Protein backbone atom coordinates (compact mmCIF):
# COMPACT_ATOMS: atom_id res chain seq x y z
CA MET A 1 114.45 62.62 89.08
CA LYS A 2 112.69 61.80 85.84
CA THR A 3 110.09 64.17 84.51
CA LYS A 4 107.23 63.37 82.22
CA ASN A 5 107.96 66.08 79.68
CA SER A 6 109.73 69.35 79.13
CA LEU A 7 106.88 71.39 80.66
CA GLN A 8 107.19 69.57 83.96
CA TYR A 9 110.95 70.08 83.84
CA LEU A 10 110.48 73.82 83.40
CA LEU A 11 108.00 73.90 86.26
CA ILE A 12 110.42 72.12 88.60
CA ILE A 13 113.45 74.20 87.62
CA SER A 14 111.53 77.46 88.09
CA MET A 15 110.49 76.36 91.58
CA ILE A 16 114.05 75.39 92.52
CA LEU A 17 115.58 78.56 91.07
CA PRO A 18 113.09 81.33 91.88
CA GLY A 19 115.14 84.07 90.20
CA THR A 20 115.34 82.27 86.88
CA GLY A 21 113.31 80.17 84.52
CA LEU A 22 109.81 80.29 83.08
CA PHE A 23 108.10 81.90 86.04
CA SER A 24 110.77 84.29 87.25
CA GLN A 25 109.48 86.77 89.81
CA THR A 26 112.12 89.29 88.85
CA LYS A 27 110.30 90.48 85.74
CA SER A 28 106.97 91.14 87.43
CA PRO A 29 105.36 90.80 90.88
CA VAL A 30 102.23 89.44 89.17
CA LEU A 31 102.01 85.95 87.71
CA SER A 32 100.93 86.36 84.10
CA GLY A 33 97.87 84.74 82.60
CA GLN A 34 100.03 82.69 80.22
CA GLU A 35 102.08 81.41 83.15
CA LYS A 36 98.94 80.39 84.98
CA LEU A 37 97.67 78.50 81.95
CA LEU A 38 100.97 76.65 81.64
CA MET A 39 100.96 75.83 85.32
CA TYR A 40 97.47 74.41 85.05
CA GLN A 41 98.51 72.35 82.08
CA GLY A 42 101.35 70.96 84.17
CA HIS A 43 98.92 70.23 86.99
CA GLU A 44 96.63 68.27 84.65
CA GLU A 45 99.52 66.23 83.32
CA MET A 46 100.76 65.41 86.83
CA ARG A 47 97.22 64.50 87.92
CA GLU A 48 96.88 62.00 85.11
CA SER A 49 100.16 60.33 86.07
CA SER A 50 99.51 60.41 89.83
CA SER A 51 99.17 57.22 91.86
CA PHE A 52 96.19 58.84 93.60
CA LYS A 53 94.22 59.83 90.50
CA GLU A 54 91.43 57.36 91.32
CA LEU A 55 90.69 59.13 94.61
CA HIS A 56 87.64 61.30 94.27
CA TRP A 57 86.03 64.16 96.12
CA GLN A 58 82.66 63.74 97.80
CA PHE A 59 80.19 66.53 98.35
CA ILE A 60 79.37 66.81 102.08
CA GLY A 61 77.42 70.10 102.04
CA PRO A 62 76.13 72.51 102.94
CA THR A 63 72.88 71.72 101.18
CA ASN A 64 71.09 74.68 102.80
CA ILE A 65 73.14 77.52 101.22
CA SER A 66 74.57 78.39 97.81
CA GLY A 67 77.29 80.81 96.82
CA ARG A 68 78.24 83.91 94.88
CA CYS A 69 77.21 84.07 91.24
CA THR A 70 78.37 86.83 88.91
CA ASP A 71 76.11 86.51 85.89
CA VAL A 72 73.13 84.57 84.59
CA GLU A 73 71.58 84.23 81.14
CA ALA A 74 68.88 82.03 79.72
CA LEU A 75 67.35 80.84 76.50
CA GLY A 76 63.64 81.29 75.92
CA PRO A 77 61.42 78.33 76.71
CA LYS A 78 61.37 75.34 74.44
CA GLY A 79 58.07 73.85 75.44
CA GLU A 80 57.86 75.15 78.99
CA ASN A 81 61.49 75.07 80.16
CA TYR A 82 64.24 77.66 80.05
CA THR A 83 67.88 76.70 79.59
CA ILE A 84 69.83 78.61 82.22
CA TRP A 85 73.56 79.40 82.22
CA VAL A 86 75.21 80.57 85.44
CA ALA A 87 78.62 82.21 85.94
CA THR A 88 80.07 81.90 89.42
CA ALA A 89 82.77 83.68 91.42
CA SER A 90 84.81 80.57 92.15
CA SER A 91 82.96 77.48 90.83
CA GLY A 92 83.12 77.86 87.04
CA VAL A 93 80.03 77.73 84.85
CA TRP A 94 76.85 75.72 85.48
CA LYS A 95 74.03 74.83 83.07
CA SER A 96 70.43 73.74 83.54
CA ILE A 97 68.28 72.39 80.70
CA ASN A 98 65.18 72.09 82.91
CA GLU A 99 64.70 75.63 84.25
CA GLY A 100 66.74 75.14 87.38
CA THR A 101 65.40 71.78 88.52
CA SER A 102 68.98 70.56 88.28
CA PHE A 103 72.34 71.99 87.20
CA GLU A 104 75.53 70.45 85.86
CA PRO A 105 79.03 72.00 85.91
CA VAL A 106 80.28 72.52 82.34
CA PHE A 107 83.53 74.45 82.92
CA GLU A 108 85.59 72.28 85.27
CA HIS A 109 88.96 71.80 83.51
CA GLN A 110 89.82 75.08 81.80
CA GLY A 111 92.54 76.45 84.05
CA THR A 112 90.39 78.85 86.11
CA SER A 113 87.15 78.69 88.02
CA THR A 114 86.46 82.40 88.57
CA ILE A 115 84.08 83.90 86.02
CA GLY A 116 83.34 87.55 85.24
CA ASP A 117 80.68 87.25 82.55
CA LEU A 118 79.13 84.94 79.98
CA ALA A 119 77.22 85.58 76.77
CA ILE A 120 74.98 83.32 74.67
CA SER A 121 75.08 84.03 70.95
CA PRO A 122 71.67 85.37 69.84
CA SER A 123 71.97 83.64 66.46
CA ASN A 124 73.14 80.23 67.73
CA PRO A 125 72.38 79.15 71.33
CA GLU A 126 75.04 76.46 71.17
CA ILE A 127 77.69 79.20 71.00
CA VAL A 128 78.55 80.60 74.43
CA TRP A 129 81.41 82.86 75.42
CA VAL A 130 82.88 82.89 78.92
CA GLY A 131 85.05 85.70 80.29
CA THR A 132 87.14 84.78 83.32
CA GLY A 133 88.24 86.85 86.29
CA GLU A 134 85.62 88.37 88.52
CA ALA A 135 85.11 92.09 87.82
CA ASN A 136 83.63 92.67 91.29
CA ILE A 137 87.11 93.20 92.72
CA PHE A 138 86.37 92.28 96.31
CA ARG A 139 88.57 90.66 98.93
CA SER A 140 87.52 87.22 97.80
CA SER A 141 87.76 87.98 94.06
CA ASN A 142 90.27 86.14 91.91
CA PRO A 143 91.77 86.93 88.50
CA GLY A 144 91.17 84.78 85.47
CA CYS A 145 93.15 84.09 82.34
CA GLY A 146 91.16 85.11 79.32
CA VAL A 147 88.12 84.06 77.34
CA TRP A 148 86.78 80.65 76.34
CA LEU A 149 84.34 79.61 73.64
CA THR A 150 82.03 76.61 73.26
CA THR A 151 80.22 75.85 70.03
CA ASP A 152 78.44 72.75 71.32
CA GLY A 153 76.56 74.00 74.34
CA GLY A 154 79.33 73.44 76.87
CA LYS A 155 80.48 69.94 75.94
CA SER A 156 83.91 71.27 74.87
CA TRP A 157 85.78 74.55 75.20
CA GLU A 158 88.51 76.41 73.37
CA HIS A 159 90.68 79.14 74.86
CA LYS A 160 90.47 82.33 72.77
CA GLY A 161 93.15 84.54 74.26
CA LEU A 162 93.07 87.79 76.30
CA GLU A 163 94.74 85.92 79.15
CA GLU A 164 96.41 89.06 80.51
CA THR A 165 93.18 90.98 81.05
CA PHE A 166 92.67 89.23 84.43
CA THR A 167 89.12 90.56 84.98
CA ILE A 168 86.37 90.55 82.37
CA SER A 169 83.23 92.51 83.11
CA ARG A 170 81.05 92.15 80.01
CA ILE A 171 80.80 90.21 76.73
CA LEU A 172 78.52 91.10 73.81
CA VAL A 173 77.95 88.94 70.73
CA HIS A 174 76.72 90.40 67.44
CA PRO A 175 73.02 89.46 66.99
CA GLN A 176 73.52 88.09 63.44
CA ASN A 177 77.22 87.28 63.15
CA PRO A 178 78.58 85.13 66.05
CA ASP A 179 82.16 85.76 64.93
CA ILE A 180 81.88 89.42 65.98
CA VAL A 181 82.35 89.69 69.73
CA TYR A 182 83.16 92.52 72.14
CA VAL A 183 84.93 91.89 75.46
CA ALA A 184 85.10 94.55 78.19
CA ALA A 185 88.07 94.14 80.54
CA SER A 186 88.44 96.06 83.80
CA GLY A 187 92.07 94.92 84.21
CA HIS A 188 94.29 93.99 87.12
CA GLU A 189 92.90 94.62 90.57
CA TRP A 190 96.10 95.78 92.30
CA THR A 191 98.47 96.84 89.54
CA GLN A 192 98.48 98.75 86.30
CA ASN A 193 98.34 96.88 82.99
CA LYS A 194 97.79 97.74 79.34
CA GLU A 195 95.69 94.64 78.62
CA ARG A 196 92.44 96.32 79.62
CA GLY A 197 89.73 98.32 77.88
CA LEU A 198 87.39 97.09 75.15
CA PHE A 199 88.48 94.36 72.74
CA LYS A 200 86.80 93.26 69.50
CA THR A 201 87.14 90.21 67.29
CA THR A 202 85.63 89.74 63.84
CA ASN A 203 86.89 86.17 63.37
CA GLY A 204 85.59 84.29 66.37
CA GLY A 205 88.51 85.07 68.67
CA GLU A 206 91.37 84.16 66.36
CA SER A 207 92.62 87.73 66.76
CA TRP A 208 91.62 90.74 68.84
CA GLU A 209 91.75 94.51 68.36
CA LYS A 210 91.72 96.94 71.27
CA VAL A 211 89.06 99.47 70.22
CA LEU A 212 88.71 101.53 73.41
CA TYR A 213 91.60 102.17 75.77
CA LYS A 214 92.15 105.00 78.26
CA GLY A 215 95.35 104.01 80.06
CA PRO A 216 96.87 101.33 82.28
CA GLU A 217 94.59 102.18 85.24
CA SER A 218 91.35 102.50 83.26
CA GLY A 219 89.19 99.54 82.40
CA VAL A 220 85.81 99.13 80.73
CA ASN A 221 83.22 98.02 83.26
CA ASP A 222 80.01 97.86 81.30
CA LEU A 223 78.82 97.65 77.72
CA VAL A 224 75.45 97.65 76.01
CA MET A 225 74.31 97.49 72.37
CA ASP A 226 71.53 99.46 70.69
CA PRO A 227 68.95 96.81 69.66
CA ARG A 228 68.25 98.72 66.42
CA ASP A 229 71.84 98.78 65.20
CA PRO A 230 74.69 96.48 66.41
CA ASP A 231 77.28 99.08 65.44
CA ILE A 232 75.95 101.44 68.10
CA LEU A 233 77.39 100.66 71.52
CA TYR A 234 77.71 102.45 74.86
CA ALA A 235 80.64 101.71 77.18
CA THR A 236 81.67 102.91 80.62
CA THR A 237 85.24 103.40 81.81
CA TRP A 238 86.61 103.64 85.33
CA GLN A 239 90.10 104.76 86.29
CA ARG A 240 90.63 103.28 89.73
CA THR A 241 93.32 102.28 92.14
CA ARG A 242 92.97 99.64 94.81
CA LEU A 243 95.39 100.16 97.64
CA LYS A 244 96.48 97.37 99.93
CA TRP A 245 94.88 99.14 102.85
CA ASN A 246 91.70 100.42 101.18
CA ASP A 247 88.89 99.67 98.79
CA PRO A 248 89.27 100.65 95.12
CA ARG A 249 88.29 104.24 94.53
CA THR A 250 88.41 107.28 92.29
CA PHE A 251 90.86 110.06 93.12
CA GLU A 252 90.76 113.77 92.31
CA ASP A 253 93.30 113.50 89.48
CA HIS A 254 91.48 110.67 87.69
CA LYS A 255 90.34 111.95 84.27
CA ASN A 256 89.43 108.77 82.39
CA ASN A 257 86.08 107.97 83.97
CA GLY A 258 83.03 108.32 81.81
CA VAL A 259 80.43 107.10 79.32
CA TRP A 260 81.35 106.57 75.67
CA LYS A 261 79.45 105.92 72.45
CA THR A 262 80.38 104.50 69.08
CA THR A 263 78.18 104.40 65.96
CA ASP A 264 80.61 102.46 63.76
CA GLY A 265 81.33 99.29 65.69
CA GLY A 266 84.16 100.71 67.80
CA LYS A 267 86.24 102.54 65.18
CA ASN A 268 85.47 105.92 66.70
CA TRP A 269 84.19 106.91 70.13
CA LYS A 270 82.58 110.01 71.57
CA GLN A 271 82.59 110.79 75.27
CA LEU A 272 79.12 111.65 76.57
CA LYS A 273 79.38 114.47 79.11
CA ASN A 274 76.35 116.71 78.87
CA GLY A 275 74.62 116.39 82.26
CA LEU A 276 76.84 113.64 83.73
CA PRO A 277 79.15 114.20 86.74
CA PRO A 278 82.75 115.30 86.15
CA PRO A 279 85.22 112.39 85.86
CA LYS A 280 86.73 113.03 89.32
CA PHE A 281 83.41 112.03 90.91
CA MET A 282 82.57 109.07 88.66
CA GLY A 283 83.30 105.64 90.06
CA ARG A 284 82.15 102.36 88.59
CA THR A 285 79.23 102.97 86.20
CA GLY A 286 76.59 100.62 84.82
CA ILE A 287 74.63 101.29 81.66
CA ASP A 288 71.56 99.96 79.86
CA VAL A 289 69.31 100.81 76.89
CA ALA A 290 65.53 100.59 76.98
CA ARG A 291 64.68 98.01 74.31
CA SER A 292 61.12 99.35 74.03
CA ASN A 293 62.50 102.84 73.26
CA PRO A 294 66.26 102.70 72.47
CA ASP A 295 66.63 106.48 72.58
CA VAL A 296 66.28 106.08 76.35
CA VAL A 297 69.61 105.22 78.00
CA TYR A 298 70.35 104.99 81.71
CA ALA A 299 73.73 105.41 83.45
CA PHE A 300 74.04 104.17 87.02
CA VAL A 301 76.99 106.01 88.59
CA ASP A 302 78.79 105.38 91.87
CA ASP A 303 79.19 109.11 92.52
CA TYR A 304 82.07 110.10 94.81
CA GLU A 305 80.83 113.62 95.56
CA VAL A 306 80.20 113.97 99.30
CA ALA A 307 76.52 113.92 100.25
CA PHE A 308 76.70 113.86 104.06
CA LYS A 309 79.55 114.73 106.41
CA ALA A 310 80.41 112.09 109.01
CA GLU A 311 79.74 113.04 112.60
CA GLU A 312 82.66 113.05 115.02
CA GLY A 313 82.94 109.73 116.85
CA GLU A 314 80.49 107.95 114.54
CA LEU A 315 81.39 104.33 113.74
CA ASP A 316 80.55 102.14 110.76
CA SER A 317 79.02 98.65 110.95
CA TYR A 318 82.48 97.12 111.57
CA GLY A 319 83.30 99.46 114.44
CA ARG A 320 85.71 101.67 112.46
CA PRO A 321 85.56 105.51 112.41
CA LYS A 322 82.94 106.49 109.83
CA VAL A 323 84.05 108.57 106.85
CA ASP A 324 82.06 111.12 104.87
CA VAL A 325 79.13 109.56 103.00
CA ILE A 326 79.34 109.97 99.21
CA LYS A 327 76.35 110.31 96.92
CA GLY A 328 76.96 106.74 95.82
CA ALA A 329 74.32 105.17 93.63
CA THR A 330 72.98 107.91 91.32
CA LEU A 331 70.86 107.26 88.25
CA TYR A 332 71.05 109.42 85.13
CA ARG A 333 68.74 109.23 82.13
CA SER A 334 69.10 110.29 78.50
CA ASP A 335 66.09 110.57 76.18
CA ASP A 336 68.13 111.40 73.09
CA ALA A 337 70.49 108.44 72.77
CA GLY A 338 73.14 109.86 75.08
CA GLU A 339 73.43 113.41 73.74
CA SER A 340 72.16 114.91 77.01
CA TRP A 341 71.57 113.52 80.49
CA LYS A 342 69.67 114.45 83.61
CA GLN A 343 69.87 113.11 87.13
CA VAL A 344 66.62 111.29 87.93
CA SER A 345 67.33 109.74 91.35
CA GLY A 346 67.97 111.33 94.72
CA LEU A 347 66.32 114.67 93.96
CA THR A 348 64.56 114.90 97.33
CA GLU A 349 66.10 114.57 100.77
CA GLU A 350 64.30 111.29 101.33
CA THR A 351 65.38 109.74 98.04
CA LYS A 352 68.88 111.22 98.37
CA LYS A 353 69.31 109.39 101.69
CA TYR A 354 67.92 106.18 100.23
CA MET A 355 70.32 106.18 97.28
CA SER A 356 73.40 107.02 99.41
CA GLY A 357 72.76 103.80 101.36
CA HIS A 358 71.85 101.82 98.25
CA SER A 359 75.16 99.93 98.06
CA GLY A 360 76.55 100.69 101.51
CA THR A 361 80.18 101.61 100.92
CA TYR A 362 80.49 99.04 98.13
CA GLY A 363 79.24 100.81 94.99
CA TRP A 364 82.37 99.62 93.25
CA VAL A 365 81.16 96.02 93.77
CA PHE A 366 77.73 96.50 92.23
CA ALA A 367 77.01 99.49 89.96
CA GLN A 368 74.85 97.55 87.54
CA MET A 369 71.32 98.13 86.36
CA ARG A 370 68.70 96.67 84.03
CA VAL A 371 65.77 98.26 82.22
CA ASP A 372 62.60 96.24 81.72
CA PRO A 373 62.72 95.39 77.98
CA ASN A 374 59.03 96.26 77.66
CA ASP A 375 58.80 99.33 79.92
CA GLU A 376 61.30 102.18 79.70
CA ASN A 377 60.33 103.47 83.17
CA ARG A 378 60.71 100.21 85.04
CA VAL A 379 64.32 100.08 86.24
CA TYR A 380 66.20 97.61 88.45
CA THR A 381 69.41 98.61 90.19
CA LEU A 382 71.78 96.06 91.72
CA GLY A 383 73.23 96.79 95.15
CA LEU A 384 73.14 95.38 98.65
CA TRP A 385 69.54 94.64 97.73
CA LEU A 386 67.77 94.46 94.44
CA ASN A 387 65.96 97.79 93.98
CA ILE A 388 63.11 98.65 91.66
CA SER A 389 61.74 101.90 90.25
CA THR A 390 58.51 102.13 88.28
CA ASP A 391 58.77 105.86 87.57
CA GLY A 392 62.00 106.13 85.61
CA GLY A 393 64.28 106.31 88.67
CA ALA A 394 62.56 109.06 90.64
CA THR A 395 61.79 106.67 93.50
CA PHE A 396 63.06 103.23 94.41
CA GLU A 397 62.08 100.50 96.81
CA PRO A 398 64.13 97.48 97.85
CA ILE A 399 63.13 93.97 96.92
CA ARG A 400 63.87 91.92 100.04
CA ARG A 401 61.18 89.32 99.70
CA LYS A 402 62.96 86.01 100.17
CA ILE A 403 65.99 86.87 98.02
CA HIS A 404 69.63 87.01 99.12
CA ALA A 405 71.55 90.26 99.40
CA ASP A 406 74.46 91.52 97.23
CA GLN A 407 73.20 91.50 93.66
CA HIS A 408 75.68 90.96 90.80
CA GLY A 409 73.72 90.00 87.68
CA MET A 410 70.24 89.88 86.19
CA TRP A 411 68.51 88.54 83.11
CA ILE A 412 65.01 89.56 82.05
CA ASP A 413 63.19 87.61 79.34
CA PRO A 414 62.77 90.13 76.48
CA GLU A 415 59.56 88.40 75.44
CA ASN A 416 58.13 88.09 78.96
CA SER A 417 59.45 90.60 81.47
CA ASN A 418 57.58 88.87 84.29
CA TYR A 419 60.37 86.28 84.17
CA ILE A 420 63.54 87.45 85.94
CA LEU A 421 66.74 85.67 86.95
CA ALA A 422 68.91 87.27 89.63
CA ALA A 423 72.54 86.37 90.44
CA HIS A 424 73.80 87.22 93.93
CA ASP A 425 75.92 86.07 96.87
CA GLY A 426 73.36 83.40 97.72
CA GLY A 427 73.27 81.82 94.27
CA ILE A 428 70.46 82.22 91.73
CA SER A 429 66.81 83.24 92.22
CA VAL A 430 63.97 83.20 89.71
CA SER A 431 60.79 85.27 89.71
CA TYR A 432 57.70 84.72 87.57
CA ASP A 433 55.96 87.96 88.60
CA LYS A 434 58.46 90.82 88.14
CA GLY A 435 60.12 90.30 91.51
CA GLU A 436 57.07 90.01 93.75
CA ASN A 437 58.00 86.43 94.68
CA TRP A 438 61.17 84.38 94.26
CA ARG A 439 62.23 80.79 93.96
CA ASN A 440 65.76 80.38 95.32
CA LEU A 441 67.91 77.70 93.64
CA ILE A 442 69.95 76.55 96.64
CA LYS A 443 70.05 72.76 96.71
CA GLU A 444 70.13 72.84 92.92
CA LEU A 445 73.43 74.81 92.88
CA PRO A 446 75.87 73.19 95.35
CA LEU A 447 78.49 75.91 95.45
CA ALA A 448 79.89 78.30 98.05
CA GLN A 449 83.09 80.21 98.81
CA PHE A 450 84.76 78.87 101.96
CA TYR A 451 87.32 81.19 103.50
CA ASN A 452 88.74 78.39 105.62
CA VAL A 453 88.20 74.77 106.59
CA GLU A 454 88.95 73.13 109.97
CA PHE A 455 88.07 69.76 111.50
CA ASP A 456 88.22 68.20 114.95
CA ASN A 457 88.87 64.73 116.41
CA ASN A 458 85.34 64.10 117.55
CA GLU A 459 83.59 60.83 116.64
CA PRO A 460 82.01 61.43 114.21
CA PHE A 461 84.35 64.25 113.35
CA ARG A 462 83.06 67.74 112.58
CA VAL A 463 84.09 70.10 109.79
CA TYR A 464 84.04 73.88 110.29
CA GLY A 465 84.26 76.76 107.84
CA SER A 466 83.33 80.35 107.16
CA VAL A 467 81.40 81.09 103.99
CA GLN A 468 81.44 84.30 101.95
CA ASP A 469 78.47 86.52 102.78
CA HIS A 470 76.82 83.94 104.97
CA HIS A 471 78.28 82.98 108.34
CA SER A 472 80.38 80.27 109.91
CA PHE A 473 79.04 76.74 109.80
CA TYR A 474 79.82 73.21 110.94
CA SER A 475 78.59 69.70 110.21
CA GLU A 476 79.26 66.17 111.35
CA VAL A 477 80.70 63.86 108.71
CA ASP A 478 78.81 60.57 108.76
CA LEU A 479 81.01 57.64 107.71
CA SER A 480 78.56 54.96 108.82
CA GLY A 481 77.57 54.17 105.24
CA GLY A 482 81.19 53.65 104.20
CA LYS A 483 83.99 56.01 103.25
CA ASP A 484 82.75 56.28 99.68
CA LYS A 485 79.15 57.05 100.64
CA VAL A 486 79.36 60.20 102.73
CA ARG A 487 76.01 61.94 102.95
CA ALA A 488 75.71 65.65 102.17
CA THR A 489 73.88 67.52 104.94
CA GLU A 490 72.53 70.86 105.97
CA TRP A 491 75.17 72.66 108.04
CA GLU A 492 74.52 74.48 111.32
CA TYR A 493 75.65 77.92 112.51
CA THR A 494 78.75 78.04 114.67
CA LEU A 495 81.06 80.60 116.21
CA GLY A 496 82.51 83.06 113.74
CA ALA A 497 81.38 85.23 110.86
CA GLU A 498 81.70 85.48 107.09
CA GLY A 499 85.48 85.69 107.10
CA SER A 500 86.74 83.70 110.06
CA THR A 501 89.60 81.39 110.90
CA HIS A 502 88.65 78.49 113.22
CA VAL A 503 90.83 76.50 115.60
CA VAL A 504 89.65 73.68 117.88
CA ASP A 505 91.22 72.69 121.20
CA PRO A 506 92.47 69.11 120.57
CA ARG A 507 91.94 68.21 124.24
CA ASP A 508 88.30 69.24 124.07
CA ASN A 509 86.60 68.92 120.69
CA ASN A 510 83.75 71.06 121.96
CA SER A 511 85.94 74.16 122.55
CA ILE A 512 86.50 76.43 119.55
CA TYR A 513 88.16 79.81 118.79
CA ALA A 514 87.26 81.98 115.81
CA SER A 515 88.67 85.24 114.50
CA LEU A 516 86.13 87.77 113.29
CA PHE A 517 86.36 90.89 111.16
CA TYR A 518 89.53 92.93 111.45
CA GLY A 519 91.32 90.90 114.10
CA LYS A 520 88.63 90.32 116.70
CA LEU A 521 88.81 86.96 118.52
CA ALA A 522 86.13 84.99 120.35
CA LYS A 523 85.70 81.54 121.89
CA ALA A 524 82.72 79.35 122.60
CA THR A 525 81.65 75.75 122.74
CA VAL A 526 80.19 74.09 119.69
CA GLU A 527 77.11 72.96 121.58
CA GLY A 528 76.70 76.12 123.67
CA TYR A 529 77.03 78.74 120.93
CA PRO A 530 75.82 81.51 120.80
CA GLU A 531 74.87 81.74 124.48
CA ASP A 532 78.40 81.06 125.79
CA MET A 533 80.29 83.17 123.23
CA GLU A 534 83.04 85.24 124.88
CA TRP A 535 85.29 87.96 123.42
CA VAL A 536 88.87 87.17 124.46
CA LEU A 537 91.04 89.75 122.73
CA PRO A 538 91.50 93.24 124.13
CA THR A 539 90.99 96.18 121.82
CA THR A 540 94.32 97.75 122.67
CA PHE A 541 97.23 97.81 125.12
CA PRO A 542 97.75 100.78 127.44
CA GLU A 543 99.33 103.71 125.58
CA GLU A 544 99.39 101.72 122.34
CA PRO A 545 97.33 102.34 119.17
CA GLU A 546 94.15 100.39 118.50
CA PHE A 547 94.72 96.91 117.12
CA ARG A 548 94.40 96.68 113.33
CA GLY A 549 93.69 93.30 111.86
CA GLN A 550 93.02 92.06 108.34
CA TRP A 551 89.56 91.05 107.21
CA MET A 552 90.69 87.52 108.02
CA ALA A 553 93.22 87.78 110.82
CA PRO A 554 95.28 84.61 111.48
CA THR A 555 94.68 82.57 114.63
CA VAL A 556 97.05 79.74 115.61
CA LEU A 557 96.76 77.24 118.45
CA CYS A 558 100.06 75.90 119.79
CA ASP A 559 100.50 72.19 118.98
CA HIS A 560 102.50 71.56 122.17
CA ASN A 561 100.35 73.53 124.60
CA PRO A 562 96.79 74.37 123.47
CA ASP A 563 96.50 76.94 126.25
CA ILE A 564 98.77 79.09 124.11
CA VAL A 565 97.00 81.01 121.31
CA TYR A 566 98.57 83.39 118.82
CA GLN A 567 96.61 86.17 117.09
CA GLY A 568 97.92 88.32 114.23
CA VAL A 569 97.06 92.05 114.03
CA GLN A 570 99.72 94.71 113.41
CA TYR A 571 101.51 92.84 116.19
CA ASP A 572 101.88 89.15 116.97
CA LEU A 573 99.81 88.64 120.13
CA LYS A 574 100.10 85.69 122.48
CA THR A 575 98.05 84.34 125.38
CA THR A 576 99.07 81.47 127.67
CA ASP A 577 95.80 81.24 129.58
CA LYS A 578 93.16 80.84 126.87
CA GLY A 579 92.67 84.56 126.34
CA GLY A 580 92.69 85.72 129.97
CA THR A 581 95.78 87.86 129.44
CA TRP A 582 97.80 88.84 126.38
CA GLU A 583 101.28 89.91 125.55
């Protein structure tokens, strides 16, 4: 076998000899960022030499939904249009020069497509930094491999290191000097690593200094700069562990959670404690400064102190035994630049209950907030819904008016706080009236996270898939215009949920099985759903524990006998009569 170059040779040898070579698994269970970059380089070289390189992908939909976005920023209007930059969970970076009328992907060939944060240089809008690896460490989150820089508005990109950070939560660029940049890294999702904390460059990314570090489990999750002085910064740290069987959380012995302040550009840091919860209760924390009065600082804490005890036999929304309810989303305010703090949310039983349900059980996914740049008492908190307070956090109300759930980013025009951009699991939304009404950019941003894809042998054939934070969908693929002119369509609901595996009976293209959350299994017909949906998997066997399945449990249809279906929970389950009985 002839190889194109030495890199390809190393790739092939390391695959043949798994215990040796460039990508040996003996040194670490985690593929390094550098290894991933090299593998992508090899992929690009092989793609260019491939006999199939002229084949191209065609967008077939859905045109009626968009997907998870992690951050959004914009440039003030030139004429009457904003330039909008969008960071996505799995589709790279997109840019609009016409205020969202259309978007173009600008980050397609950089070795990763999962983005944690982006930052436009205040002194030069052509300079944009992109931090890869989604910091919202969810089931569908993926690590990145460092930071990239464009100096020409996205036409070209240069990798600037920090490839071992894996997840980047925030980037700040000095307002006058674009070579001074801060990068907050929350670190590996499942394992410890030293390449986390807060990094600083003074030479445009040629070298980096770690200026805030609290251990191999502790990352920096949020960062904000005092608008009066770029050497004054506030950072939040979170020591967390994500177990294979549980969400990431804070434990009793975790000491490195907190809010920190520097007044000399990161050389020295002071932990801000006066009035904030003890570290053992502090989960992921967001922070923001009121631009209209920078002495006012807010900290938005996912507080692990128990607020309500679970009642015996009570179940959560997924049918699992409910655990004690923590305080969760709790807002603290400082009026003296962080020297002292007071809790401002959840001080009555009514508001306490509201805030404990603010983020469901997923405070570690959200925990961000924004202060209106022109009103120190107008506060937005990001959670399952976008929430707004007009009285400095004493009371909140949800914004549910035609905007998708699960909020991950927000940008407010500092010159016109009526104009708001929100990033969420349904894409990007824009408001021109402080959140009263929203324009959802769905068709304009053709992106979504598919958990799985399946197709049948119908004529025309149908494609099925489950989409993150939406549902399961299907669509017919119309080839009547020619194989190179497939029309993108709106997709329809089908059997399944957000995280489902689909299988179709090859003898009957109308009969479909779908796994649902935590190992549940159902069947229906494509045309009869949802009326003919039927649960086909028992909850348990006699004298055996309850079945425990993954978020996406595997379902397999036997190729030789489609009456045989296998379902994976803590056991391998099998039916030979389409779900009538199981063994």
